[in-house]
PDB file of N, CA and C in Angstrom:
ATOM      1  N   UNK A   1      80.059 -40.155  79.353  1.00  0.00           N
ATOM      2  CA  UNK A   1      80.151 -41.517  79.772  1.00  0.00           C
ATOM      3  C   UNK A   1      79.001 -42.266  79.123  1.00  0.00           C
ATOM      4  N   UNK A   2      79.261 -43.478  78.648  1.00  0.00           N
ATOM      5  CA  UNK A   2      78.202 -44.290  78.061  1.00  0.00           C
ATOM      6  C   UNK A   2      78.439 -45.722  78.461  1.00  0.00           C
ATOM      7  N   UNK A   3      77.421 -46.549  78.267  1.00  0.00           N
ATOM      8  CA  UNK A   3      77.569 -47.952  78.579  1.00  0.00           C
ATOM      9  C   UNK A   3      77.564 -48.736  77.296  1.00  0.00           C
ATOM     10  N   UNK A   4      78.337 -49.825  77.296  1.00  0.00           N
ATOM     11  CA  UNK A   4      78.391 -50.729  76.164  1.00  0.00           C
ATOM     12  C   UNK A   4      78.433 -52.125  76.714  1.00  0.00           C
ATOM     13  N   UNK A   5      77.882 -53.081  75.947  1.00  0.00           N
ATOM     14  CA  UNK A   5      77.938 -54.458  76.360  1.00  0.00           C
ATOM     15  C   UNK A   5      79.339 -55.017  76.137  1.00  0.00           C
ATOM     16  N   UNK A   6      79.754 -55.971  77.000  1.00  0.00           N
ATOM     17  CA  UNK A   6      81.072 -56.564  76.861  1.00  0.00           C
ATOM     18  C   UNK A   6      80.993 -57.921  76.188  1.00  0.00           C
ATOM     19  N   UNK A   7      79.841 -58.281  75.655  1.00  0.00           N
ATOM     20  CA  UNK A   7      79.648 -59.568  75.002  1.00  0.00           C
ATOM     21  C   UNK A   7      79.269 -60.660  75.967  1.00  0.00           C
ATOM     22  N   UNK A   8      79.464 -60.471  77.231  1.00  0.00           N
ATOM     23  CA  UNK A   8      79.133 -61.475  78.226  1.00  0.00           C
ATOM     24  C   UNK A   8      77.867 -61.132  78.999  1.00  0.00           C
ATOM     25  N   UNK A   9      77.058 -60.226  78.480  1.00  0.00           N
ATOM     26  CA  UNK A   9      75.835 -59.849  79.168  1.00  0.00           C
ATOM     27  C   UNK A   9      76.027 -58.771  80.229  1.00  0.00           C
ATOM     28  N   UNK A  10      77.245 -58.260  80.353  1.00  0.00           N
ATOM     29  CA  UNK A  10      77.504 -57.227  81.335  1.00  0.00           C
ATOM     30  C   UNK A  10      77.703 -55.890  80.616  1.00  0.00           C
ATOM     31  N   UNK A  11      77.361 -54.809  81.292  1.00  0.00           N
ATOM     32  CA  UNK A  11      77.566 -53.479  80.734  1.00  0.00           C
ATOM     33  C   UNK A  11      78.894 -52.937  81.244  1.00  0.00           C
ATOM     34  N   UNK A  12      79.621 -52.283  80.368  1.00  0.00           N
ATOM     35  CA  UNK A  12      80.876 -51.640  80.764  1.00  0.00           C
ATOM     36  C   UNK A  12      80.727 -50.150  80.518  1.00  0.00           C
ATOM     37  N   UNK A  13      81.413 -49.370  81.339  1.00  0.00           N
ATOM     38  CA  UNK A  13      81.370 -47.918  81.198  1.00  0.00           C
ATOM     39  C   UNK A  13      82.544 -47.477  80.337  1.00  0.00           C
ATOM     40  N   UNK A  14      82.280 -46.530  79.464  1.00  0.00           N
ATOM     41  CA  UNK A  14      83.366 -45.922  78.701  1.00  0.00           C
ATOM     42  C   UNK A  14      83.349 -44.434  78.970  1.00  0.00           C
ATOM     43  N   UNK A  15      84.508 -43.856  79.082  1.00  0.00           N
ATOM     44  CA  UNK A  15      84.642 -42.433  79.392  1.00  0.00           C
ATOM     45  C   UNK A  15      84.922 -41.657  78.113  1.00  0.00           C
ATOM     46  N   UNK A  16      84.165 -40.597  77.891  1.00  0.00           N
ATOM     47  CA  UNK A  16      84.383 -39.704  76.772  1.00  0.00           C
ATOM     48  C   UNK A  16      84.829 -38.369  77.334  1.00  0.00           C
ATOM     49  N   UNK A  17      86.124 -38.041  77.237  1.00  0.00           N
ATOM     50  CA  UNK A  17      86.657 -36.847  77.917  1.00  0.00           C
ATOM     51  C   UNK A  17      86.145 -35.530  77.361  1.00  0.00           C
ATOM     52  N   UNK A  18      85.601 -35.496  76.127  1.00  0.00           N
ATOM     53  CA  UNK A  18      85.138 -34.225  75.594  1.00  0.00           C
ATOM     54  C   UNK A  18      83.966 -33.719  76.430  1.00  0.00           C
ATOM     55  N   UNK A  19      83.957 -32.442  76.662  1.00  0.00           N
ATOM     56  CA  UNK A  19      82.898 -31.823  77.458  1.00  0.00           C
ATOM     57  C   UNK A  19      81.644 -31.666  76.597  1.00  0.00           C
ATOM     58  N   UNK A  20      80.513 -32.156  77.083  1.00  0.00           N
ATOM     59  CA  UNK A  20      79.296 -32.019  76.313  1.00  0.00           C
ATOM     60  C   UNK A  20      78.845 -30.551  76.215  1.00  0.00           C
ATOM     61  N   UNK A  21      78.154 -30.240  75.167  1.00  0.00           N
ATOM     62  CA  UNK A  21      77.609 -28.904  74.997  1.00  0.00           C
ATOM     63  C   UNK A  21      76.508 -28.675  76.029  1.00  0.00           C
ATOM     64  N   UNK A  22      76.396 -27.444  76.564  1.00  0.00           N
ATOM     65  CA  UNK A  22      75.287 -27.195  77.510  1.00  0.00           C
ATOM     66  C   UNK A  22      73.956 -27.585  76.868  1.00  0.00           C
ATOM     67  N   UNK A  23      73.093 -28.125  77.691  1.00  0.00           N
ATOM     68  CA  UNK A  23      71.796 -28.608  77.229  1.00  0.00           C
ATOM     69  C   UNK A  23      70.703 -27.693  77.736  1.00  0.00           C
ATOM     70  N   UNK A  24      69.687 -27.500  76.889  1.00  0.00           N
ATOM     71  CA  UNK A  24      68.526 -26.738  77.310  1.00  0.00           C
ATOM     72  C   UNK A  24      67.596 -27.599  78.162  1.00  0.00           C
ATOM     73  N   UNK A  25      67.045 -27.037  79.181  1.00  0.00           N
ATOM     74  CA  UNK A  25      66.098 -27.741  80.043  1.00  0.00           C
ATOM     75  C   UNK A  25      64.888 -26.870  80.307  1.00  0.00           C
ATOM     76  N   UNK A  26      63.765 -27.519  80.555  1.00  0.00           N
ATOM     77  CA  UNK A  26      62.553 -26.846  81.003  1.00  0.00           C
ATOM     78  C   UNK A  26      62.114 -27.546  82.281  1.00  0.00           C
ATOM     79  N   UNK A  27      62.123 -26.782  83.397  1.00  0.00           N
ATOM     80  CA  UNK A  27      61.628 -27.288  84.655  1.00  0.00           C
ATOM     81  C   UNK A  27      60.259 -26.675  84.882  1.00  0.00           C
ATOM     82  N   UNK A  28      59.274 -27.487  85.263  1.00  0.00           N
ATOM     83  CA  UNK A  28      57.958 -26.955  85.591  1.00  0.00           C
ATOM     84  C   UNK A  28      57.688 -27.181  87.072  1.00  0.00           C
ATOM     85  N   UNK A  29      57.224 -26.133  87.742  1.00  0.00           N
ATOM     86  CA  UNK A  29      56.913 -26.191  89.167  1.00  0.00           C
ATOM     87  C   UNK A  29      55.481 -25.709  89.375  1.00  0.00           C
ATOM     88  N   UNK A  30      54.873 -26.181  90.454  1.00  0.00           N
ATOM     89  CA  UNK A  30      53.527 -25.721  90.818  1.00  0.00           C
ATOM     90  C   UNK A  30      53.568 -24.262  91.234  1.00  0.00           C
ATOM     91  N   UNK A  31      52.529 -23.543  90.851  1.00  0.00           N
ATOM     92  CA  UNK A  31      52.408 -22.137  91.250  1.00  0.00           C
ATOM     93  C   UNK A  31      53.088 -21.206  90.286  1.00  0.00           C
ATOM     94  N   UNK A  32      52.805 -19.929  90.445  1.00  0.00           N
ATOM     95  CA  UNK A  32      53.428 -18.903  89.608  1.00  0.00           C
ATOM     96  C   UNK A  32      54.485 -18.182  90.416  1.00  0.00           C
ATOM     97  N   UNK A  33      55.752 -18.358  90.027  1.00  0.00           N
ATOM     98  CA  UNK A  33      56.854 -17.681  90.711  1.00  0.00           C
ATOM     99  C   UNK A  33      56.962 -16.250  90.191  1.00  0.00           C
ATOM    100  N   UNK A  34      57.349 -15.328  91.065  1.00  0.00           N
ATOM    101  CA  UNK A  34      57.603 -13.947  90.656  1.00  0.00           C
ATOM    102  C   UNK A  34      58.841 -13.923  89.773  1.00  0.00           C
ATOM    103  N   UNK A  35      58.889 -12.936  88.882  1.00  0.00           N
ATOM    104  CA  UNK A  35      60.010 -12.781  87.951  1.00  0.00           C
ATOM    105  C   UNK A  35      61.359 -12.609  88.695  1.00  0.00           C
ATOM    106  N   UNK A  36      61.324 -12.115  89.924  1.00  0.00           N
ATOM    107  CA  UNK A  36      62.534 -11.919  90.696  1.00  0.00           C
ATOM    108  C   UNK A  36      63.327 -13.202  90.900  1.00  0.00           C
ATOM    109  N   UNK A  37      62.670 -14.334  90.832  1.00  0.00           N
ATOM    110  CA  UNK A  37      63.339 -15.608  91.044  1.00  0.00           C
ATOM    111  C   UNK A  37      64.222 -16.034  89.867  1.00  0.00           C
ATOM    112  N   UNK A  38      64.082 -15.382  88.706  1.00  0.00           N
ATOM    113  CA  UNK A  38      64.849 -15.732  87.527  1.00  0.00           C
ATOM    114  C   UNK A  38      66.362 -15.694  87.818  1.00  0.00           C
ATOM    115  N   UNK A  39      66.830 -14.653  88.449  1.00  0.00           N
ATOM    116  CA  UNK A  39      68.269 -14.537  88.752  1.00  0.00           C
ATOM    117  C   UNK A  39      68.721 -15.643  89.700  1.00  0.00           C
ATOM    118  N   UNK A  40      67.892 -15.964  90.674  1.00  0.00           N
ATOM    119  CA  UNK A  40      68.249 -17.021  91.635  1.00  0.00           C
ATOM    120  C   UNK A  40      68.370 -18.382  90.955  1.00  0.00           C
ATOM    121  N   UNK A  41      67.598 -18.582  89.889  1.00  0.00           N
ATOM    122  CA  UNK A  41      67.641 -19.812  89.122  1.00  0.00           C
ATOM    123  C   UNK A  41      68.597 -19.712  87.937  1.00  0.00           C
ATOM    124  N   UNK A  42      69.673 -18.973  88.074  1.00  0.00           N
ATOM    125  CA  UNK A  42      70.677 -18.883  87.032  1.00  0.00           C
ATOM    126  C   UNK A  42      70.194 -18.191  85.773  1.00  0.00           C
ATOM    127  N   UNK A  43      69.313 -17.215  85.923  1.00  0.00           N
ATOM    128  CA  UNK A  43      68.778 -16.448  84.799  1.00  0.00           C
ATOM    129  C   UNK A  43      67.996 -17.289  83.806  1.00  0.00           C
ATOM    130  N   UNK A  44      67.371 -18.364  84.284  1.00  0.00           N
ATOM    131  CA  UNK A  44      66.454 -19.111  83.414  1.00  0.00           C
ATOM    132  C   UNK A  44      65.241 -18.240  83.143  1.00  0.00           C
ATOM    133  N   UNK A  45      64.651 -18.404  81.965  1.00  0.00           N
ATOM    134  CA  UNK A  45      63.441 -17.637  81.614  1.00  0.00           C
ATOM    135  C   UNK A  45      62.252 -18.243  82.361  1.00  0.00           C
ATOM    136  N   UNK A  46      61.454 -17.370  83.017  1.00  0.00           N
ATOM    137  CA  UNK A  46      60.270 -17.816  83.720  1.00  0.00           C
ATOM    138  C   UNK A  46      59.043 -17.535  82.860  1.00  0.00           C
ATOM    139  N   UNK A  47      58.186 -18.537  82.719  1.00  0.00           N
ATOM    140  CA  UNK A  47      56.947 -18.395  81.973  1.00  0.00           C
ATOM    141  C   UNK A  47      55.804 -18.914  82.836  1.00  0.00           C
ATOM    142  N   UNK A  48      54.767 -18.096  83.029  1.00  0.00           N
ATOM    143  CA  UNK A  48      53.590 -18.526  83.767  1.00  0.00           C
ATOM    144  C   UNK A  48      52.660 -19.233  82.793  1.00  0.00           C
ATOM    145  N   UNK A  49      52.404 -20.515  83.064  1.00  0.00           N
ATOM    146  CA  UNK A  49      51.546 -21.314  82.221  1.00  0.00           C
ATOM    147  C   UNK A  49      50.101 -21.248  82.704  1.00  0.00           C
ATOM    148  N   UNK A  50      49.174 -21.465  81.785  1.00  0.00           N
ATOM    149  CA  UNK A  50      47.746 -21.324  82.087  1.00  0.00           C
ATOM    150  C   UNK A  50      47.250 -22.391  83.065  1.00  0.00           C
ATOM    151  N   UNK A  51      48.010 -23.460  83.260  1.00  0.00           N
ATOM    152  CA  UNK A  51      47.583 -24.520  84.180  1.00  0.00           C
ATOM    153  C   UNK A  51      48.010 -24.254  85.624  1.00  0.00           C
ATOM    154  N   UNK A  52      48.534 -23.029  85.873  1.00  0.00           N
ATOM    155  CA  UNK A  52      48.932 -22.668  87.238  1.00  0.00           C
ATOM    156  C   UNK A  52      50.353 -23.066  87.585  1.00  0.00           C
ATOM    157  N   UNK A  53      51.134 -23.448  86.590  1.00  0.00           N
ATOM    158  CA  UNK A  53      52.532 -23.802  86.827  1.00  0.00           C
ATOM    159  C   UNK A  53      53.444 -22.701  86.262  1.00  0.00           C
ATOM    160  N   UNK A  54      54.707 -22.768  86.646  1.00  0.00           N
ATOM    161  CA  UNK A  54      55.733 -21.905  86.078  1.00  0.00           C
ATOM    162  C   UNK A  54      56.746 -22.778  85.382  1.00  0.00           C
ATOM    163  N   UNK A  55      57.127 -22.402  84.154  1.00  0.00           N
ATOM    164  CA  UNK A  55      58.189 -23.077  83.431  1.00  0.00           C
ATOM    165  C   UNK A  55      59.449 -22.235  83.561  1.00  0.00           C
ATOM    166  N   UNK A  56      60.543 -22.882  83.891  1.00  0.00           N
ATOM    167  CA  UNK A  56      61.864 -22.249  83.932  1.00  0.00           C
ATOM    168  C   UNK A  56      62.677 -22.898  82.830  1.00  0.00           C
ATOM    169  N   UNK A  57      63.089 -22.123  81.810  1.00  0.00           N
ATOM    170  CA  UNK A  57      63.799 -22.708  80.689  1.00  0.00           C
ATOM    171  C   UNK A  57      65.053 -21.933  80.357  1.00  0.00           C
ATOM    172  N   UNK A  58      65.984 -22.699  79.811  1.00  0.00           N
ATOM    173  CA  UNK A  58      67.237 -22.126  79.368  1.00  0.00           C
ATOM    174  C   UNK A  58      68.315 -23.185  79.344  1.00  0.00           C
ATOM    175  N   UNK A  59      69.543 -22.782  79.038  1.00  0.00           N
ATOM    176  CA  UNK A  59      70.576 -23.791  78.996  1.00  0.00           C
ATOM    177  C   UNK A  59      71.219 -23.968  80.351  1.00  0.00           C
ATOM    178  N   UNK A  60      71.683 -25.204  80.601  1.00  0.00           N
ATOM    179  CA  UNK A  60      72.324 -25.580  81.846  1.00  0.00           C
ATOM    180  C   UNK A  60      73.681 -26.147  81.480  1.00  0.00           C
ATOM    181  N   UNK A  61      74.734 -25.660  82.110  1.00  0.00           N
ATOM    182  CA  UNK A  61      76.098 -26.004  81.719  1.00  0.00           C
ATOM    183  C   UNK A  61      76.410 -27.498  81.764  1.00  0.00           C
ATOM    184  N   UNK A  62      75.921 -28.179  82.830  1.00  0.00           N
ATOM    185  CA  UNK A  62      76.249 -29.599  82.956  1.00  0.00           C
ATOM    186  C   UNK A  62      75.316 -30.224  83.986  1.00  0.00           C
ATOM    187  N   UNK A  63      75.533 -31.527  84.253  1.00  0.00           N
ATOM    188  CA  UNK A  63      74.683 -32.231  85.212  1.00  0.00           C
ATOM    189  C   UNK A  63      74.761 -31.656  86.618  1.00  0.00           C
ATOM    190  N   UNK A  64      75.937 -31.176  87.019  1.00  0.00           N
ATOM    191  CA  UNK A  64      76.083 -30.594  88.346  1.00  0.00           C
ATOM    192  C   UNK A  64      75.226 -29.335  88.476  1.00  0.00           C
ATOM    193  N   UNK A  65      75.191 -28.519  87.424  1.00  0.00           N
ATOM    194  CA  UNK A  65      74.378 -27.291  87.433  1.00  0.00           C
ATOM    195  C   UNK A  65      72.895 -27.658  87.479  1.00  0.00           C
ATOM    196  N   UNK A  66      72.493 -28.691  86.741  1.00  0.00           N
ATOM    197  CA  UNK A  66      71.091 -29.139  86.787  1.00  0.00           C
ATOM    198  C   UNK A  66      70.737 -29.606  88.192  1.00  0.00           C
ATOM    199  N   UNK A  67      71.608 -30.370  88.798  1.00  0.00           N
ATOM    200  CA  UNK A  67      71.367 -30.823  90.160  1.00  0.00           C
ATOM    201  C   UNK A  67      71.231 -29.652  91.107  1.00  0.00           C
ATOM    202  N   UNK A  68      72.058 -28.625  90.928  1.00  0.00           N
ATOM    203  CA  UNK A  68      71.970 -27.420  91.745  1.00  0.00           C
ATOM    204  C   UNK A  68      70.608 -26.734  91.603  1.00  0.00           C
ATOM    205  N   UNK A  69      70.096 -26.673  90.387  1.00  0.00           N
ATOM    206  CA  UNK A  69      68.761 -26.090  90.169  1.00  0.00           C
ATOM    207  C   UNK A  69      67.680 -26.910  90.889  1.00  0.00           C
ATOM    208  N   UNK A  70      67.800 -28.228  90.799  1.00  0.00           N
ATOM    209  CA  UNK A  70      66.818 -29.084  91.464  1.00  0.00           C
ATOM    210  C   UNK A  70      66.882 -28.919  92.971  1.00  0.00           C
ATOM    211  N   UNK A  71      68.073 -28.692  93.526  1.00  0.00           N
ATOM    212  CA  UNK A  71      68.184 -28.452  94.971  1.00  0.00           C
ATOM    213  C   UNK A  71      67.539 -27.139  95.348  1.00  0.00           C
ATOM    214  N   UNK A  72      67.622 -26.126  94.475  1.00  0.00           N
ATOM    215  CA  UNK A  72      66.968 -24.857  94.765  1.00  0.00           C
ATOM    216  C   UNK A  72      65.458 -25.013  94.800  1.00  0.00           C
ATOM    217  N   UNK A  73      64.919 -25.815  93.886  1.00  0.00           N
ATOM    218  CA  UNK A  73      63.472 -26.099  93.895  1.00  0.00           C
ATOM    219  C   UNK A  73      63.118 -26.768  95.223  1.00  0.00           C
ATOM    220  N   UNK A  74      63.917 -27.751  95.621  1.00  0.00           N
ATOM    221  CA  UNK A  74      63.683 -28.419  96.909  1.00  0.00           C
ATOM    222  C   UNK A  74      63.743 -27.446  98.075  1.00  0.00           C
ATOM    223  N   UNK A  75      64.773 -26.581  98.058  1.00  0.00           N
ATOM    224  CA  UNK A  75      64.958 -25.636  99.175  1.00  0.00           C
ATOM    225  C   UNK A  75      63.804 -24.646  99.299  1.00  0.00           C
ATOM    226  N   UNK A  76      63.189 -24.298  98.173  1.00  0.00           N
ATOM    227  CA  UNK A  76      62.021 -23.409  98.198  1.00  0.00           C
ATOM    228  C   UNK A  76      60.765 -24.117  98.707  1.00  0.00           C
ATOM    229  N   UNK A  77      60.801 -25.451  98.673  1.00  0.00           N
ATOM    230  CA  UNK A  77      59.644 -26.219  99.127  1.00  0.00           C
ATOM    231  C   UNK A  77      58.508 -26.221  98.112  1.00  0.00           C
ATOM    232  N   UNK A  78      58.834 -25.965  96.846  1.00  0.00           N
ATOM    233  CA  UNK A  78      57.800 -25.986  95.812  1.00  0.00           C
ATOM    234  C   UNK A  78      57.795 -27.349  95.121  1.00  0.00           C
ATOM    235  N   UNK A  79      56.669 -27.684  94.556  1.00  0.00           N
ATOM    236  CA  UNK A  79      56.517 -29.005  93.933  1.00  0.00           C
ATOM    237  C   UNK A  79      57.052 -28.970  92.517  1.00  0.00           C
ATOM    238  N   UNK A  80      57.972 -29.874  92.232  1.00  0.00           N
ATOM    239  CA  UNK A  80      58.523 -30.047  90.895  1.00  0.00           C
ATOM    240  C   UNK A  80      57.544 -30.917  90.101  1.00  0.00           C
ATOM    241  N   UNK A  81      57.032 -30.384  88.996  1.00  0.00           N
ATOM    242  CA  UNK A  81      56.078 -31.104  88.162  1.00  0.00           C
ATOM    243  C   UNK A  81      56.806 -31.948  87.115  1.00  0.00           C
ATOM    244  N   UNK A  82      57.801 -31.351  86.459  1.00  0.00           N
ATOM    245  CA  UNK A  82      58.519 -32.106  85.423  1.00  0.00           C
ATOM    246  C   UNK A  82      59.860 -31.459  85.115  1.00  0.00           C
ATOM    247  N   UNK A  83      60.736 -32.254  84.529  1.00  0.00           N
ATOM    248  CA  UNK A  83      62.031 -31.799  84.010  1.00  0.00           C
ATOM    249  C   UNK A  83      62.125 -32.363  82.599  1.00  0.00           C
ATOM    250  N   UNK A  84      62.395 -31.486  81.643  1.00  0.00           N
ATOM    251  CA  UNK A  84      62.448 -31.920  80.248  1.00  0.00           C
ATOM    252  C   UNK A  84      63.701 -31.361  79.585  1.00  0.00           C
ATOM    253  N   UNK A  85      64.494 -32.250  78.962  1.00  0.00           N
ATOM    254  CA  UNK A  85      65.630 -31.800  78.166  1.00  0.00           C
ATOM    255  C   UNK A  85      65.069 -31.290  76.844  1.00  0.00           C
ATOM    256  N   UNK A  86      65.405 -30.070  76.483  1.00  0.00           N
ATOM    257  CA  UNK A  86      64.857 -29.486  75.261  1.00  0.00           C
ATOM    258  C   UNK A  86      65.926 -29.291  74.196  1.00  0.00           C
ATOM    259  N   UNK A  87      67.070 -29.953  74.379  1.00  0.00           N
ATOM    260  CA  UNK A  87      68.129 -29.932  73.368  1.00  0.00           C
ATOM    261  C   UNK A  87      69.316 -29.095  73.773  1.00  0.00           C
ATOM    262  N   UNK A  88      70.420 -29.249  73.036  1.00  0.00           N
ATOM    263  CA  UNK A  88      71.606 -28.444  73.327  1.00  0.00           C
ATOM    264  C   UNK A  88      71.353 -26.961  73.132  1.00  0.00           C
ATOM    265  N   UNK A  89      72.167 -26.148  73.768  1.00  0.00           N
ATOM    266  CA  UNK A  89      71.981 -24.695  73.677  1.00  0.00           C
ATOM    267  C   UNK A  89      71.947 -24.224  72.232  1.00  0.00           C
ATOM    268  N   UNK A  90      72.702 -24.892  71.355  1.00  0.00           N
ATOM    269  CA  UNK A  90      72.724 -24.461  69.951  1.00  0.00           C
ATOM    270  C   UNK A  90      71.397 -24.675  69.264  1.00  0.00           C
ATOM    271  N   UNK A  91      70.517 -25.532  69.831  1.00  0.00           N
ATOM    272  CA  UNK A  91      69.221 -25.773  69.198  1.00  0.00           C
ATOM    273  C   UNK A  91      68.120 -24.883  69.763  1.00  0.00           C
ATOM    274  N   UNK A  92      68.440 -24.126  70.826  1.00  0.00           N
ATOM    275  CA  UNK A  92      67.461 -23.195  71.382  1.00  0.00           C
ATOM    276  C   UNK A  92      67.308 -22.019  70.426  1.00  0.00           C
ATOM    277  N   UNK A  93      66.156 -21.357  70.435  1.00  0.00           N
ATOM    278  CA  UNK A  93      66.031 -20.148  69.645  1.00  0.00           C
ATOM    279  C   UNK A  93      67.147 -19.178  69.999  1.00  0.00           C
ATOM    280  N   UNK A  94      67.655 -18.471  69.032  1.00  0.00           N
ATOM    281  CA  UNK A  94      68.813 -17.581  69.222  1.00  0.00           C
ATOM    282  C   UNK A  94      68.614 -16.641  70.408  1.00  0.00           C
ATOM    283  N   UNK A  95      67.438 -16.063  70.561  1.00  0.00           N
ATOM    284  CA  UNK A  95      67.213 -15.114  71.663  1.00  0.00           C
ATOM    285  C   UNK A  95      67.301 -15.805  73.007  1.00  0.00           C
ATOM    286  N   UNK A  96      66.810 -17.041  73.132  1.00  0.00           N
ATOM    287  CA  UNK A  96      66.857 -17.751  74.395  1.00  0.00           C
ATOM    288  C   UNK A  96      68.287 -18.152  74.719  1.00  0.00           C
ATOM    289  N   UNK A  97      69.018 -18.661  73.719  1.00  0.00           N
ATOM    290  CA  UNK A  97      70.400 -19.085  73.966  1.00  0.00           C
ATOM    291  C   UNK A  97      71.260 -17.863  74.343  1.00  0.00           C
ATOM    292  N   UNK A  98      71.095 -16.734  73.680  1.00  0.00           N
ATOM    293  CA  UNK A  98      71.901 -15.544  73.970  1.00  0.00           C
ATOM    294  C   UNK A  98      71.549 -14.936  75.316  1.00  0.00           C
ATOM    295  N   UNK A  99      70.286 -14.983  75.697  1.00  0.00           N
ATOM    296  CA  UNK A  99      69.886 -14.370  76.959  1.00  0.00           C
ATOM    297  C   UNK A  99      70.396 -15.154  78.150  1.00  0.00           C
ATOM    298  N   UNK A 100      70.803 -16.387  77.927  1.00  0.00           N
ATOM    299  CA  UNK A 100      71.276 -17.224  79.019  1.00  0.00           C
ATOM    300  C   UNK A 100      72.784 -17.100  79.223  1.00  0.00           C
ATOM    301  N   UNK A 101      73.512 -16.363  78.372  1.00  0.00           N
ATOM    302  CA  UNK A 101      74.953 -16.297  78.491  1.00  0.00           C
ATOM    303  C   UNK A 101      75.408 -15.079  79.214  1.00  0.00           C
TER     304      UNK A 101
END
């Protein structure tokens, strides 16, 4: 879905029925999560960062799946530091893209 101007200063929505390619995301949360949480987060790769945060990265099928991951962060009661789109799954390093399938 995208927005386009209608010439009258209003935005109109256009629907694109093709399914977008899964996008890579990196979620950063406060604290270091144990590796066991990887499966609960849809097999995202967990990386402990030196600043005391954990990065969860990998591809996410669609916006609904991303929202589900964000709800899991909320349900755990951990602080979400950032969410970053890191490109479509095809742009992830081959090992990261394959490990997520």
